[in-house]
Amino acid sequence: RDKPWWPRVTQREIEWFNSREEASREEIRAITRELP
């Protein structure tokens, strides 16, 4: 609904973590290293 880039998405990868804190740490790591 909100993102103009959404139609470009063709692949979705989902990785599960046991807590929100673990997932948030991985999200920050991924953003700073992988530069989406």
PDB file of all heavy atoms in Angstrom:
ATOM      1  N   ARG A   1       0.815  -1.224   0.000  1.00  0.00           N
ATOM      2  CA  ARG A   1       0.000   0.000   0.000  1.00  0.00           C
ATOM      3  C   ARG A   1       0.847   1.272   0.000  1.00  0.00           C
ATOM      4  O   ARG A   1       0.483   2.259  -0.613  1.00  0.00           O
ATOM      5  CB  ARG A   1      -0.901   0.037   1.242  1.00  0.00           C
ATOM      6  CG  ARG A   1      -2.130  -0.807   1.164  1.00  0.00           C
ATOM      7  CD  ARG A   1      -3.086  -0.486   2.321  1.00  0.00           C
ATOM      8  NE  ARG A   1      -2.459  -0.482   3.632  1.00  0.00           N
ATOM      9  CZ  ARG A   1      -2.370  -1.541   4.438  1.00  0.00           C
ATOM     10  NH1 ARG A   1      -2.874  -2.700   4.057  1.00  0.00           N
ATOM     11  NH2 ARG A   1      -1.802  -1.456   5.617  1.00  0.00           N
ATOM     12  N   ASP A   2       1.991   1.239   0.713  1.00  0.00           N
ATOM     13  CA  ASP A   2       2.714   2.471   1.022  1.00  0.00           C
ATOM     14  C   ASP A   2       3.987   2.737   0.225  1.00  0.00           C
ATOM     15  O   ASP A   2       4.424   3.879   0.164  1.00  0.00           O
ATOM     16  CB  ASP A   2       3.113   2.482   2.502  1.00  0.00           C
ATOM     17  CG  ASP A   2       1.926   2.369   3.422  1.00  0.00           C
ATOM     18  OD1 ASP A   2       0.809   2.682   3.004  1.00  0.00           O
ATOM     19  OD2 ASP A   2       2.131   1.956   4.585  1.00  0.00           O
ATOM     20  N   LYS A   3       4.600   1.718  -0.324  1.00  0.00           N
ATOM     21  CA  LYS A   3       5.939   1.898  -0.885  1.00  0.00           C
ATOM     22  C   LYS A   3       5.925   1.888  -2.410  1.00  0.00           C
ATOM     23  O   LYS A   3       5.513   0.905  -3.032  1.00  0.00           O
ATOM     24  CB  LYS A   3       6.892   0.803  -0.390  1.00  0.00           C
ATOM     25  CG  LYS A   3       6.987   0.710   1.117  1.00  0.00           C
ATOM     26  CD  LYS A   3       7.533   1.981   1.716  1.00  0.00           C
ATOM     27  CE  LYS A   3       7.666   1.856   3.227  1.00  0.00           C
ATOM     28  NZ  LYS A   3       7.902   3.111   3.864  1.00  0.00           N
ATOM     29  N   PRO A   4       6.417   2.957  -3.033  1.00  0.00           N
ATOM     30  CA  PRO A   4       6.426   3.008  -4.495  1.00  0.00           C
ATOM     31  C   PRO A   4       7.345   1.965  -5.129  1.00  0.00           C
ATOM     32  O   PRO A   4       7.157   1.588  -6.281  1.00  0.00           O
ATOM     33  CB  PRO A   4       6.917   4.424  -4.802  1.00  0.00           C
ATOM     34  CG  PRO A   4       7.555   4.911  -3.559  1.00  0.00           C
ATOM     35  CD  PRO A   4       6.934   4.171  -2.420  1.00  0.00           C
ATOM     36  N   TRP A   5       8.326   1.444  -4.377  1.00  0.00           N
ATOM     37  CA  TRP A   5       9.233   0.445  -4.908  1.00  0.00           C
ATOM     38  C   TRP A   5       8.671  -0.978  -4.826  1.00  0.00           C
ATOM     39  O   TRP A   5       9.258  -1.904  -5.384  1.00  0.00           O
ATOM     40  CB  TRP A   5      10.593   0.515  -4.199  1.00  0.00           C
ATOM     41  CG  TRP A   5      10.519   0.572  -2.701  1.00  0.00           C
ATOM     42  CD1 TRP A   5      10.636   1.688  -1.936  1.00  0.00           C
ATOM     43  CD2 TRP A   5      10.320  -0.522  -1.785  1.00  0.00           C
ATOM     44  NE1 TRP A   5      10.517   1.366  -0.601  1.00  0.00           N
ATOM     45  CE2 TRP A   5      10.335   0.010  -0.482  1.00  0.00           C
ATOM     46  CE3 TRP A   5      10.140  -1.894  -1.940  1.00  0.00           C
ATOM     47  CZ2 TRP A   5      10.166  -0.776   0.646  1.00  0.00           C
ATOM     48  CZ3 TRP A   5       9.984  -2.687  -0.812  1.00  0.00           C
ATOM     49  CH2 TRP A   5       9.982  -2.128   0.463  1.00  0.00           C
ATOM     50  N   TRP A   6       7.547  -1.183  -4.161  1.00  0.00           N
ATOM     51  CA  TRP A   6       7.002  -2.529  -3.941  1.00  0.00           C
ATOM     52  C   TRP A   6       6.830  -3.348  -5.234  1.00  0.00           C
ATOM     53  O   TRP A   6       7.161  -4.533  -5.234  1.00  0.00           O
ATOM     54  CB  TRP A   6       5.692  -2.472  -3.160  1.00  0.00           C
ATOM     55  CG  TRP A   6       5.143  -3.842  -2.934  1.00  0.00           C
ATOM     56  CD1 TRP A   6       4.112  -4.441  -3.596  1.00  0.00           C
ATOM     57  CD2 TRP A   6       5.638  -4.818  -2.018  1.00  0.00           C
ATOM     58  NE1 TRP A   6       3.920  -5.718  -3.145  1.00  0.00           N
ATOM     59  CE2 TRP A   6       4.849  -5.988  -2.165  1.00  0.00           C
ATOM     60  CE3 TRP A   6       6.660  -4.838  -1.086  1.00  0.00           C
ATOM     61  CZ2 TRP A   6       5.057  -7.136  -1.425  1.00  0.00           C
ATOM     62  CZ3 TRP A   6       6.871  -5.985  -0.336  1.00  0.00           C
ATOM     63  CH2 TRP A   6       6.070  -7.120  -0.515  1.00  0.00           C
ATOM     64  N   PRO A   7       6.357  -2.782  -6.345  1.00  0.00           N
ATOM     65  CA  PRO A   7       6.185  -3.597  -7.552  1.00  0.00           C
ATOM     66  C   PRO A   7       7.484  -4.231  -8.064  1.00  0.00           C
ATOM     67  O   PRO A   7       7.442  -5.201  -8.814  1.00  0.00           O
ATOM     68  CB  PRO A   7       5.641  -2.607  -8.589  1.00  0.00           C
ATOM     69  CG  PRO A   7       4.967  -1.553  -7.766  1.00  0.00           C
ATOM     70  CD  PRO A   7       5.807  -1.437  -6.525  1.00  0.00           C
ATOM     71  N   ARG A   8       8.617  -3.720  -7.638  1.00  0.00           N
ATOM     72  CA  ARG A   8       9.898  -4.286  -8.064  1.00  0.00           C
ATOM     73  C   ARG A   8      10.264  -5.565  -7.304  1.00  0.00           C
ATOM     74  O   ARG A   8      11.173  -6.286  -7.708  1.00  0.00           O
ATOM     75  CB  ARG A   8      10.999  -3.253  -7.878  1.00  0.00           C
ATOM     76  CG  ARG A   8      10.749  -2.009  -8.724  1.00  0.00           C
ATOM     77  CD  ARG A   8      11.705  -0.918  -8.430  1.00  0.00           C
ATOM     78  NE  ARG A   8      13.045  -1.303  -8.812  1.00  0.00           N
ATOM     79  CZ  ARG A   8      14.094  -0.513  -8.684  1.00  0.00           C
ATOM     80  NH1 ARG A   8      13.948   0.690  -8.193  1.00  0.00           N
ATOM     81  NH2 ARG A   8      15.287  -0.922  -9.045  1.00  0.00           N
ATOM     82  N   VAL A   9       9.591  -5.827  -6.178  1.00  0.00           N
ATOM     83  CA  VAL A   9       9.934  -6.983  -5.341  1.00  0.00           C
ATOM     84  C   VAL A   9       9.523  -8.276  -6.044  1.00  0.00           C
ATOM     85  O   VAL A   9       8.358  -8.467  -6.384  1.00  0.00           O
ATOM     86  CB  VAL A   9       9.254  -6.890  -3.958  1.00  0.00           C
ATOM     87  CG1 VAL A   9       9.496  -8.154  -3.135  1.00  0.00           C
ATOM     88  CG2 VAL A   9       9.722  -5.646  -3.209  1.00  0.00           C
ATOM     89  N   THR A  10      10.509  -9.161  -6.245  1.00  0.00           N
ATOM     90  CA  THR A  10      10.228 -10.475  -6.830  1.00  0.00           C
ATOM     91  C   THR A  10      10.654 -11.610  -5.904  1.00  0.00           C
ATOM     92  O   THR A  10      10.256 -12.750  -6.109  1.00  0.00           O
ATOM     93  CB  THR A  10      10.935 -10.652  -8.196  1.00  0.00           C
ATOM     94  OG1 THR A  10      12.337 -10.520  -8.010  1.00  0.00           O
ATOM     95  CG2 THR A  10      10.424  -9.631  -9.207  1.00  0.00           C
ATOM     96  N   GLN A  11      11.480 -11.293  -4.908  1.00  0.00           N
ATOM     97  CA  GLN A  11      11.966 -12.316  -3.983  1.00  0.00           C
ATOM     98  C   GLN A  11      11.811 -11.839  -2.552  1.00  0.00           C
ATOM     99  O   GLN A  11      12.115 -10.683  -2.246  1.00  0.00           O
ATOM    100  CB  GLN A  11      13.450 -12.603  -4.239  1.00  0.00           C
ATOM    101  CG  GLN A  11      13.748 -13.105  -5.627  1.00  0.00           C
ATOM    102  CD  GLN A  11      15.245 -13.202  -5.860  1.00  0.00           C
ATOM    103  OE1 GLN A  11      16.004 -13.527  -4.958  1.00  0.00           O
ATOM    104  NE2 GLN A  11      15.657 -12.921  -7.082  1.00  0.00           N
ATOM    105  N   ARG A  12      11.360 -12.749  -1.705  1.00  0.00           N
ATOM    106  CA  ARG A  12      11.198 -12.443  -0.282  1.00  0.00           C
ATOM    107  C   ARG A  12      11.934 -13.512   0.516  1.00  0.00           C
ATOM    108  O   ARG A  12      11.673 -14.694   0.352  1.00  0.00           O
ATOM    109  CB  ARG A  12       9.727 -12.463   0.114  1.00  0.00           C
ATOM    110  CG  ARG A  12       8.864 -11.518  -0.674  1.00  0.00           C
ATOM    111  CD  ARG A  12       7.413 -11.734  -0.334  1.00  0.00           C
ATOM    112  NE  ARG A  12       6.564 -11.034  -1.283  1.00  0.00           N
ATOM    113  CZ  ARG A  12       5.253 -11.063  -1.252  1.00  0.00           C
ATOM    114  NH1 ARG A  12       4.613 -11.768  -0.324  1.00  0.00           N
ATOM    115  NH2 ARG A  12       4.545 -10.398  -2.138  1.00  0.00           N
ATOM    116  N   GLU A  13      12.836 -13.093   1.388  1.00  0.00           N
ATOM    117  CA  GLU A  13      13.559 -14.015   2.262  1.00  0.00           C
ATOM    118  C   GLU A  13      13.142 -13.713   3.695  1.00  0.00           C
ATOM    119  O   GLU A  13      13.144 -12.549   4.097  1.00  0.00           O
ATOM    120  CB  GLU A  13      15.068 -13.812   2.136  1.00  0.00           C
ATOM    121  CG  GLU A  13      15.606 -14.029   0.741  1.00  0.00           C
ATOM    122  CD  GLU A  13      17.046 -13.544   0.612  1.00  0.00           C
ATOM    123  OE1 GLU A  13      17.720 -13.286   1.648  1.00  0.00           O
ATOM    124  OE2 GLU A  13      17.497 -13.411  -0.520  1.00  0.00           O
ATOM    125  N   ILE A  14      12.800 -14.741   4.441  1.00  0.00           N
ATOM    126  CA  ILE A  14      12.363 -14.545   5.831  1.00  0.00           C
ATOM    127  C   ILE A  14      13.224 -15.423   6.728  1.00  0.00           C
ATOM    128  O   ILE A  14      13.349 -16.629   6.491  1.00  0.00           O
ATOM    129  CB  ILE A  14      10.875 -14.911   6.004  1.00  0.00           C
ATOM    130  CG1 ILE A  14      10.024 -14.019   5.096  1.00  0.00           C
ATOM    131  CG2 ILE A  14      10.457 -14.771   7.466  1.00  0.00           C
ATOM    132  CD1 ILE A  14       8.555 -14.414   5.043  1.00  0.00           C
ATOM    133  N   GLU A  15      13.809 -14.812   7.764  1.00  0.00           N
ATOM    134  CA  GLU A  15      14.631 -15.525   8.736  1.00  0.00           C
ATOM    135  C   GLU A  15      14.040 -15.269  10.119  1.00  0.00           C
ATOM    136  O   GLU A  15      13.871 -14.113  10.515  1.00  0.00           O
ATOM    137  CB  GLU A  15      16.067 -15.000   8.658  1.00  0.00           C
ATOM    138  CG  GLU A  15      17.032 -15.682   9.576  1.00  0.00           C
ATOM    139  CD  GLU A  15      18.447 -15.126   9.442  1.00  0.00           C
ATOM    140  OE1 GLU A  15      18.671 -14.154   8.690  1.00  0.00           O
ATOM    141  OE2 GLU A  15      19.333 -15.678  10.123  1.00  0.00           O
ATOM    142  N   TRP A  16      13.717 -16.339  10.843  1.00  0.00           N
ATOM    143  CA  TRP A  16      13.048 -16.193  12.143  1.00  0.00           C
ATOM    144  C   TRP A  16      14.049 -16.193  13.296  1.00  0.00           C
ATOM    145  O   TRP A  16      15.049 -16.896  13.269  1.00  0.00           O
ATOM    146  CB  TRP A  16      12.039 -17.322  12.341  1.00  0.00           C
ATOM    147  CG  TRP A  16      10.846 -17.149  11.463  1.00  0.00           C
ATOM    148  CD1 TRP A  16      10.622 -17.719  10.242  1.00  0.00           C
ATOM    149  CD2 TRP A  16       9.721 -16.313  11.727  1.00  0.00           C
ATOM    150  NE1 TRP A  16       9.429 -17.291   9.731  1.00  0.00           N
ATOM    151  CE2 TRP A  16       8.844 -16.434  10.620  1.00  0.00           C
ATOM    152  CE3 TRP A  16       9.353 -15.478  12.780  1.00  0.00           C
ATOM    153  CZ2 TRP A  16       7.636 -15.753  10.546  1.00  0.00           C
ATOM    154  CZ3 TRP A  16       8.151 -14.800  12.714  1.00  0.00           C
ATOM    155  CH2 TRP A  16       7.306 -14.942  11.600  1.00  0.00           C
ATOM    156  N   PHE A  17      13.732 -15.391  14.328  1.00  0.00           N
ATOM    157  CA  PHE A  17      14.535 -15.295  15.543  1.00  0.00           C
ATOM    158  C   PHE A  17      13.620 -15.522  16.742  1.00  0.00           C
ATOM    159  O   PHE A  17      12.411 -15.316  16.666  1.00  0.00           O
ATOM    160  CB  PHE A  17      15.206 -13.917  15.637  1.00  0.00           C
ATOM    161  CG  PHE A  17      16.250 -13.720  14.580  1.00  0.00           C
ATOM    162  CD1 PHE A  17      15.888 -13.276  13.312  1.00  0.00           C
ATOM    163  CD2 PHE A  17      17.584 -14.011  14.836  1.00  0.00           C
ATOM    164  CE1 PHE A  17      16.838 -13.120  12.321  1.00  0.00           C
ATOM    165  CE2 PHE A  17      18.533 -13.854  13.844  1.00  0.00           C
ATOM    166  CZ  PHE A  17      18.167 -13.408  12.584  1.00  0.00           C
ATOM    167  N   ASN A  18      14.201 -15.930  17.861  1.00  0.00           N
ATOM    168  CA  ASN A  18      13.412 -16.263  19.050  1.00  0.00           C
ATOM    169  C   ASN A  18      12.902 -15.046  19.813  1.00  0.00           C
ATOM    170  O   ASN A  18      12.029 -15.174  20.659  1.00  0.00           O
ATOM    171  CB  ASN A  18      14.217 -17.151  19.998  1.00  0.00           C
ATOM    172  CG  ASN A  18      14.416 -18.528  19.402  1.00  0.00           C
ATOM    173  OD1 ASN A  18      13.548 -19.037  18.703  1.00  0.00           O
ATOM    174  ND2 ASN A  18      15.569 -19.112  19.671  1.00  0.00           N
ATOM    175  N   SER A  19      13.479 -13.868  19.538  1.00  0.00           N
ATOM    176  CA  SER A  19      13.010 -12.663  20.236  1.00  0.00           C
ATOM    177  C   SER A  19      13.106 -11.457  19.313  1.00  0.00           C
ATOM    178  O   SER A  19      13.846 -11.456  18.328  1.00  0.00           O
ATOM    179  CB  SER A  19      13.849 -12.404  21.493  1.00  0.00           C
ATOM    180  OG  SER A  19      15.149 -11.980  21.132  1.00  0.00           O
ATOM    181  N   ARG A  20      12.362 -10.429  19.662  1.00  0.00           N
ATOM    182  CA  ARG A  20      12.392  -9.176  18.915  1.00  0.00           C
ATOM    183  C   ARG A  20      13.785  -8.544  18.989  1.00  0.00           C
ATOM    184  O   ARG A  20      14.270  -7.968  18.027  1.00  0.00           O
ATOM    185  CB  ARG A  20      11.324  -8.226  19.482  1.00  0.00           C
ATOM    186  CG  ARG A  20      11.232  -6.890  18.810  1.00  0.00           C
ATOM    187  CD  ARG A  20      10.418  -6.997  17.582  1.00  0.00           C
ATOM    188  NE  ARG A  20      10.324  -5.719  16.875  1.00  0.00           N
ATOM    189  CZ  ARG A  20       9.501  -5.499  15.887  1.00  0.00           C
ATOM    190  NH1 ARG A  20       8.680  -6.455  15.499  1.00  0.00           N
ATOM    191  NH2 ARG A  20       9.483  -4.353  15.277  1.00  0.00           N
ATOM    192  N   GLU A  21      14.431  -8.668  20.148  1.00  0.00           N
ATOM    193  CA  GLU A  21      15.755  -8.081  20.336  1.00  0.00           C
ATOM    194  C   GLU A  21      16.774  -8.714  19.395  1.00  0.00           C
ATOM    195  O   GLU A  21      17.563  -8.010  18.757  1.00  0.00           O
ATOM    196  CB  GLU A  21      16.210  -8.228  21.800  1.00  0.00           C
ATOM    197  CG  GLU A  21      15.467  -7.336  22.767  1.00  0.00           C
ATOM    198  CD  GLU A  21      14.045  -7.814  23.088  1.00  0.00           C
ATOM    199  OE1 GLU A  21      13.716  -9.008  22.855  1.00  0.00           O
ATOM    200  OE2 GLU A  21      13.242  -6.991  23.542  1.00  0.00           O
ATOM    201  N   GLU A  22      16.766 -10.044  19.284  1.00  0.00           N
ATOM    202  CA  GLU A  22      17.683 -10.724  18.360  1.00  0.00           C
ATOM    203  C   GLU A  22      17.424 -10.281  16.923  1.00  0.00           C
ATOM    204  O   GLU A  22      18.351 -10.002  16.172  1.00  0.00           O
ATOM    205  CB  GLU A  22      17.490 -12.244  18.427  1.00  0.00           C
ATOM    206  CG  GLU A  22      18.086 -12.924  19.613  1.00  0.00           C
ATOM    207  CD  GLU A  22      17.811 -14.418  19.525  1.00  0.00           C
ATOM    208  OE1 GLU A  22      18.476 -15.090  18.705  1.00  0.00           O
ATOM    209  OE2 GLU A  22      16.917 -14.901  20.258  1.00  0.00           O
ATOM    210  N   ALA A  23      16.160 -10.237  16.548  1.00  0.00           N
ATOM    211  CA  ALA A  23      15.799  -9.857  15.189  1.00  0.00           C
ATOM    212  C   ALA A  23      16.209  -8.410  14.905  1.00  0.00           C
ATOM    213  O   ALA A  23      16.728  -8.109  13.818  1.00  0.00           O
ATOM    214  CB  ALA A  23      14.300 -10.046  14.966  1.00  0.00           C
ATOM    215  N   SER A  24      16.011  -7.532  15.848  1.00  0.00           N
ATOM    216  CA  SER A  24      16.382  -6.123  15.658  1.00  0.00           C
ATOM    217  C   SER A  24      17.886  -5.955  15.476  1.00  0.00           C
ATOM    218  O   SER A  24      18.337  -5.160  14.646  1.00  0.00           O
ATOM    219  CB  SER A  24      15.900  -5.275  16.832  1.00  0.00           C
ATOM    220  OG  SER A  24      14.495  -5.253  16.863  1.00  0.00           O
ATOM    221  N   ARG A  25      18.661  -6.721  16.239  1.00  0.00           N
ATOM    222  CA  ARG A  25      20.123  -6.665  16.075  1.00  0.00           C
ATOM    223  C   ARG A  25      20.526  -7.129  14.671  1.00  0.00           C
ATOM    224  O   ARG A  25      21.370  -6.523  14.021  1.00  0.00           O
ATOM    225  CB  ARG A  25      20.822  -7.514  17.136  1.00  0.00           C
ATOM    226  CG  ARG A  25      20.928  -6.817  18.481  1.00  0.00           C
ATOM    227  CD  ARG A  25      21.890  -7.534  19.414  1.00  0.00           C
ATOM    228  NE  ARG A  25      21.485  -8.903  19.705  1.00  0.00           N
ATOM    229  CZ  ARG A  25      20.675  -9.263  20.698  1.00  0.00           C
ATOM    230  NH1 ARG A  25      20.163  -8.345  21.501  1.00  0.00           N
ATOM    231  NH2 ARG A  25      20.381 -10.529  20.895  1.00  0.00           N
ATOM    232  N   GLU A  26      19.893  -8.190  14.194  1.00  0.00           N
ATOM    233  CA  GLU A  26      20.198  -8.696  12.846  1.00  0.00           C
ATOM    234  C   GLU A  26      19.760  -7.699  11.776  1.00  0.00           C
ATOM    235  O   GLU A  26      20.451  -7.505  10.775  1.00  0.00           O
ATOM    236  CB  GLU A  26      19.534 -10.046  12.609  1.00  0.00           C
ATOM    237  CG  GLU A  26      19.669 -10.564  11.194  1.00  0.00           C
ATOM    238  CD  GLU A  26      21.101 -10.730  10.699  1.00  0.00           C
ATOM    239  OE1 GLU A  26      22.038 -10.820  11.516  1.00  0.00           O
ATOM    240  OE2 GLU A  26      21.289 -10.778   9.460  1.00  0.00           O
ATOM    241  N   GLU A  27      18.615  -7.060  11.978  1.00  0.00           N
ATOM    242  CA  GLU A  27      18.147  -6.072  11.002  1.00  0.00           C
ATOM    243  C   GLU A  27      19.160  -4.927  10.877  1.00  0.00           C
ATOM    244  O   GLU A  27      19.533  -4.534   9.763  1.00  0.00           O
ATOM    245  CB  GLU A  27      16.787  -5.505  11.426  1.00  0.00           C
ATOM    246  CG  GLU A  27      16.291  -4.415  10.484  1.00  0.00           C
ATOM    247  CD  GLU A  27      15.126  -3.621  11.053  1.00  0.00           C
ATOM    248  OE1 GLU A  27      15.049  -3.445  12.280  1.00  0.00           O
ATOM    249  OE2 GLU A  27      14.301  -3.166  10.247  1.00  0.00           O
ATOM    250  N   ILE A  28      19.625  -4.403  11.998  1.00  0.00           N
ATOM    251  CA  ILE A  28      20.605  -3.305  11.978  1.00  0.00           C
ATOM    252  C   ILE A  28      21.896  -3.770  11.314  1.00  0.00           C
ATOM    253  O   ILE A  28      22.476  -3.062  10.479  1.00  0.00           O
ATOM    254  CB  ILE A  28      20.858  -2.784  13.407  1.00  0.00           C
ATOM    255  CG1 ILE A  28      19.614  -2.067  13.913  1.00  0.00           C
ATOM    256  CG2 ILE A  28      22.079  -1.866  13.454  1.00  0.00           C
ATOM    257  CD1 ILE A  28      19.615  -1.788  15.401  1.00  0.00           C
ATOM    258  N   ARG A  29      22.347  -4.967  11.646  1.00  0.00           N
ATOM    259  CA  ARG A  29      23.564  -5.508  11.032  1.00  0.00           C
ATOM    260  C   ARG A  29      23.396  -5.611   9.523  1.00  0.00           C
ATOM    261  O   ARG A  29      24.258  -5.194   8.748  1.00  0.00           O
ATOM    262  CB  ARG A  29      23.909  -6.877  11.616  1.00  0.00           C
ATOM    263  CG  ARG A  29      25.274  -7.399  11.140  1.00  0.00           C
ATOM    264  CD  ARG A  29      25.374  -8.909  11.159  1.00  0.00           C
ATOM    265  NE  ARG A  29      24.445  -9.558  10.253  1.00  0.00           N
ATOM    266  CZ  ARG A  29      24.588  -9.636   8.920  1.00  0.00           C
ATOM    267  NH1 ARG A  29      25.601  -9.059   8.324  1.00  0.00           N
ATOM    268  NH2 ARG A  29      23.712 -10.255   8.170  1.00  0.00           N
ATOM    269  N   ALA A  30      22.258  -6.136   9.090  1.00  0.00           N
ATOM    270  CA  ALA A  30      22.006  -6.318   7.656  1.00  0.00           C
ATOM    271  C   ALA A  30      21.940  -4.975   6.923  1.00  0.00           C
ATOM    272  O   ALA A  30      22.493  -4.832   5.829  1.00  0.00           O
ATOM    273  CB  ALA A  30      20.713  -7.106   7.447  1.00  0.00           C
ATOM    274  N   ILE A  31      21.291  -3.994   7.520  1.00  0.00           N
ATOM    275  CA  ILE A  31      21.175  -2.683   6.872  1.00  0.00           C
ATOM    276  C   ILE A  31      22.539  -2.029   6.726  1.00  0.00           C
ATOM    277  O   ILE A  31      22.877  -1.514   5.656  1.00  0.00           O
ATOM    278  CB  ILE A  31      20.195  -1.770   7.643  1.00  0.00           C
ATOM    279  CG1 ILE A  31      18.765  -2.284   7.489  1.00  0.00           C
ATOM    280  CG2 ILE A  31      20.300  -0.327   7.161  1.00  0.00           C
ATOM    281  CD1 ILE A  31      17.755  -1.618   8.404  1.00  0.00           C
ATOM    282  N   THR A  32      23.355  -2.063   7.772  1.00  0.00           N
ATOM    283  CA  THR A  32      24.653  -1.386   7.708  1.00  0.00           C
ATOM    284  C   THR A  32      25.644  -2.127   6.830  1.00  0.00           C
ATOM    285  O   THR A  32      26.483  -1.498   6.191  1.00  0.00           O
ATOM    286  CB  THR A  32      25.247  -1.183   9.118  1.00  0.00           C
ATOM    287  OG1 THR A  32      25.356  -2.434   9.774  1.00  0.00           O
ATOM    288  CG2 THR A  32      24.402  -0.233   9.926  1.00  0.00           C
ATOM    289  N   ARG A  33      25.563  -3.441   6.736  1.00  0.00           N
ATOM    290  CA  ARG A  33      26.531  -4.199   5.928  1.00  0.00           C
ATOM    291  C   ARG A  33      26.070  -4.456   4.500  1.00  0.00           C
ATOM    292  O   ARG A  33      26.877  -4.498   3.580  1.00  0.00           O
ATOM    293  CB  ARG A  33      26.841  -5.530   6.598  1.00  0.00           C
ATOM    294  CG  ARG A  33      27.636  -5.370   7.863  1.00  0.00           C
ATOM    295  CD  ARG A  33      28.105  -6.687   8.362  1.00  0.00           C
ATOM    296  NE  ARG A  33      28.854  -6.495   9.605  1.00  0.00           N
ATOM    297  CZ  ARG A  33      29.124  -7.453  10.438  1.00  0.00           C
ATOM    298  NH1 ARG A  33      28.742  -8.680  10.181  1.00  0.00           N
ATOM    299  NH2 ARG A  33      29.796  -7.208  11.539  1.00  0.00           N
ATOM    300  N   GLU A  34      24.775  -4.665   4.308  1.00  0.00           N
ATOM    301  CA  GLU A  34      24.271  -5.066   2.989  1.00  0.00           C
ATOM    302  C   GLU A  34      23.720  -3.896   2.177  1.00  0.00           C
ATOM    303  O   GLU A  34      23.469  -4.038   0.989  1.00  0.00           O
ATOM    304  CB  GLU A  34      23.212  -6.158   3.167  1.00  0.00           C
ATOM    305  CG  GLU A  34      23.766  -7.401   3.846  1.00  0.00           C
ATOM    306  CD  GLU A  34      22.687  -8.397   4.247  1.00  0.00           C
ATOM    307  OE1 GLU A  34      21.681  -8.530   3.521  1.00  0.00           O
ATOM    308  OE2 GLU A  34      22.847  -9.042   5.306  1.00  0.00           O
ATOM    309  N   LEU A  35      23.528  -2.758   2.812  1.00  0.00           N
ATOM    310  CA  LEU A  35      23.078  -1.516   2.168  1.00  0.00           C
ATOM    311  C   LEU A  35      21.890  -1.692   1.227  1.00  0.00           C
ATOM    312  O   LEU A  35      21.982  -1.452   0.020  1.00  0.00           O
ATOM    313  CB  LEU A  35      24.236  -0.861   1.411  1.00  0.00           C
ATOM    314  CG  LEU A  35      25.396  -0.384   2.269  1.00  0.00           C
ATOM    315  CD1 LEU A  35      26.498   0.167   1.383  1.00  0.00           C
ATOM    316  CD2 LEU A  35      24.956   0.649   3.279  1.00  0.00           C
ATOM    317  N   PRO A  36      20.747  -2.098   1.761  1.00  0.00           N
ATOM    318  CA  PRO A  36      19.561  -2.199   0.909  1.00  0.00           C
ATOM    319  C   PRO A  36      19.212  -0.835   0.319  1.00  0.00           C
ATOM    320  O   PRO A  36      19.386   0.196   0.966  1.00  0.00           O
ATOM    321  CB  PRO A  36      18.467  -2.697   1.858  1.00  0.00           C
ATOM    322  CG  PRO A  36      18.983  -2.432   3.228  1.00  0.00           C
ATOM    323  CD  PRO A  36      20.466  -2.382   3.158  1.00  0.00           C
TER     324      PRO A  36
END
